[in-house]
């Protein structure tokens, strides 16, 4: 059995898709188009036109649905952000002034979603037994 597909944008499992994928397929969770370069197995950001298929026509917007005949969904398209942009900005600002980021900001929902299950459990244990 092949690995299940996940949305390139939010990482939600794409269930019930009929392959070959229609150009109009969307993620049920975030509504992102799925027949896009970023979900294709030929997509590679470091290659010219970000495509390893040399016969494919160039696509300018890699995140919008397209009509590429060489599209083949790849299983490793989703890459979770380690830290949300807001949390990263707060960390950089705190580092600039030598301050610590307040603990209430560490409880950001976006950060919890990007942590692995084991990292989230470890974080909860550290909060529980922290004597500060």
Protein backbone atom coordinates (compact mmCIF):
# COMPACT_ATOMS: atom_id res chain seq x y z
CA UNK A 1 0.00 0.00 0.00
CA UNK A 2 1.35 3.44 -0.92
CA UNK A 3 1.97 6.12 1.69
CA UNK A 4 -1.08 8.33 2.23
CA UNK A 5 -0.97 11.76 0.64
CA UNK A 6 -0.94 14.88 2.79
CA UNK A 7 -1.83 18.46 1.91
CA UNK A 8 1.29 20.36 0.86
CA UNK A 9 0.11 23.44 2.82
CA UNK A 10 -1.35 22.22 6.14
CA UNK A 11 -0.26 18.57 6.31
CA UNK A 12 -3.78 17.20 6.68
CA UNK A 13 -4.26 13.69 5.23
CA UNK A 14 -5.92 13.72 1.81
CA UNK A 15 -8.49 10.96 1.97
CA UNK A 16 -10.92 9.82 -0.69
CA UNK A 17 -8.99 11.19 -3.65
CA UNK A 18 -9.38 9.46 -6.97
CA UNK A 19 -6.12 9.18 -8.88
CA UNK A 20 -5.15 10.56 -11.30
CA UNK A 21 -5.93 13.68 -9.33
CA UNK A 22 -8.31 16.20 -10.84
CA UNK A 23 -7.12 19.78 -11.31
CA UNK A 24 -9.95 20.90 -9.01
CA UNK A 25 -8.96 18.83 -5.95
CA UNK A 26 -8.77 20.84 -2.73
CA UNK A 27 -7.81 20.11 0.85
CA UNK A 28 -10.92 19.62 3.00
CA UNK A 29 -9.21 21.33 5.95
CA UNK A 30 -7.53 24.44 4.49
CA UNK A 31 -9.04 24.65 0.98
CA UNK A 32 -5.66 24.73 -0.78
CA UNK A 33 -5.46 23.50 -4.37
CA UNK A 34 -3.78 20.09 -4.57
CA UNK A 35 -2.93 19.70 -8.27
CA UNK A 36 0.03 22.03 -7.71
CA UNK A 37 3.78 21.88 -8.28
CA UNK A 38 4.53 21.73 -4.55
CA UNK A 39 2.65 18.40 -4.24
CA UNK A 40 4.29 16.87 -7.31
CA UNK A 41 7.09 14.32 -7.00
CA UNK A 42 9.00 16.27 -9.69
CA UNK A 43 9.04 19.48 -7.58
CA UNK A 44 12.47 20.48 -6.29
CA UNK A 45 13.08 24.08 -5.29
CA UNK A 46 16.82 23.94 -6.05
CA UNK A 47 16.38 23.00 -9.74
CA UNK A 48 15.68 25.39 -12.63
CA UNK A 49 11.94 26.16 -12.75
CA UNK A 50 11.71 23.98 -9.59
CA UNK A 51 10.90 20.91 -11.71
CA UNK A 52 12.99 17.83 -12.42
CA UNK A 53 10.78 16.86 -15.39
CA UNK A 54 12.56 18.53 -18.30
CA UNK A 55 9.62 18.17 -20.71
CA UNK A 56 7.13 19.98 -18.46
CA UNK A 57 6.14 23.55 -19.27
CA UNK A 58 7.22 26.19 -16.77
CA UNK A 59 4.60 27.10 -14.16
CA UNK A 60 4.96 30.51 -12.53
CA UNK A 61 2.81 29.98 -9.40
CA UNK A 62 3.85 26.71 -7.74
CA UNK A 63 0.98 26.92 -5.21
CA UNK A 64 -1.97 27.25 -7.62
CA UNK A 65 -3.72 24.54 -9.58
CA UNK A 66 -2.25 23.91 -13.03
CA UNK A 67 -2.71 21.73 -16.09
CA UNK A 68 0.68 19.97 -16.06
CA UNK A 69 0.50 16.59 -17.79
CA UNK A 70 3.49 15.30 -15.81
CA UNK A 71 1.95 15.88 -12.37
CA UNK A 72 2.39 12.92 -10.01
CA UNK A 73 1.55 13.43 -6.32
CA UNK A 74 4.49 12.99 -3.98
CA UNK A 75 4.23 11.92 -0.37
CA UNK A 76 6.77 14.30 1.19
CA UNK A 77 5.43 17.69 0.17
CA UNK A 78 4.43 19.02 3.60
CA UNK A 79 7.15 20.60 5.72
CA UNK A 80 6.00 21.85 9.12
CA UNK A 81 7.32 25.22 10.23
CA UNK A 82 9.45 24.80 13.35
CA UNK A 83 8.27 28.08 14.84
CA UNK A 84 5.52 30.45 13.78
CA UNK A 85 6.60 33.80 12.32
CA UNK A 86 5.21 35.68 15.32
CA UNK A 87 7.00 33.45 17.83
CA UNK A 88 10.24 33.72 15.86
CA UNK A 89 9.98 37.53 15.82
CA UNK A 90 9.37 37.58 19.58
CA UNK A 91 12.39 35.33 20.17
CA UNK A 92 14.62 37.55 18.03
CA UNK A 93 13.38 40.69 19.79
CA UNK A 94 13.97 39.15 23.21
CA UNK A 95 17.48 38.05 22.16
CA UNK A 96 18.22 41.56 20.89
CA UNK A 97 17.47 43.11 24.29
CA UNK A 98 18.74 40.18 26.36
CA UNK A 99 15.27 39.36 27.69
CA UNK A 100 13.57 36.01 28.06
CA UNK A 101 10.39 35.20 26.17
CA UNK A 102 7.51 35.10 28.70
CA UNK A 103 6.14 31.58 29.26
CA UNK A 104 2.60 32.56 28.23
CA UNK A 105 3.88 33.18 24.71
CA UNK A 106 5.39 29.67 24.59
CA UNK A 107 1.87 28.24 24.81
CA UNK A 108 1.06 29.48 21.29
CA UNK A 109 -1.35 27.11 19.52
CA UNK A 110 0.69 27.18 16.31
CA UNK A 111 3.80 26.00 18.16
CA UNK A 112 1.90 23.12 19.76
CA UNK A 113 0.72 21.89 16.36
CA UNK A 114 4.25 21.78 14.94
CA UNK A 115 5.76 19.85 17.86
CA UNK A 116 6.05 16.11 17.51
CA UNK A 117 4.01 14.04 19.93
CA UNK A 118 7.07 13.14 22.02
CA UNK A 119 8.33 16.77 22.09
CA UNK A 120 4.89 18.00 23.20
CA UNK A 121 4.81 15.39 26.00
CA UNK A 122 8.32 16.35 27.14
CA UNK A 123 7.36 20.02 27.13
CA UNK A 124 4.31 19.31 29.31
CA UNK A 125 6.44 17.30 31.77
CA UNK A 126 8.97 20.11 32.03
CA UNK A 127 6.19 22.62 32.73
CA UNK A 128 4.72 20.31 35.38
CA UNK A 129 7.96 19.80 37.31
CA UNK A 130 9.47 23.25 36.82
CA UNK A 131 10.19 24.74 40.26
CA UNK A 132 10.86 28.32 39.09
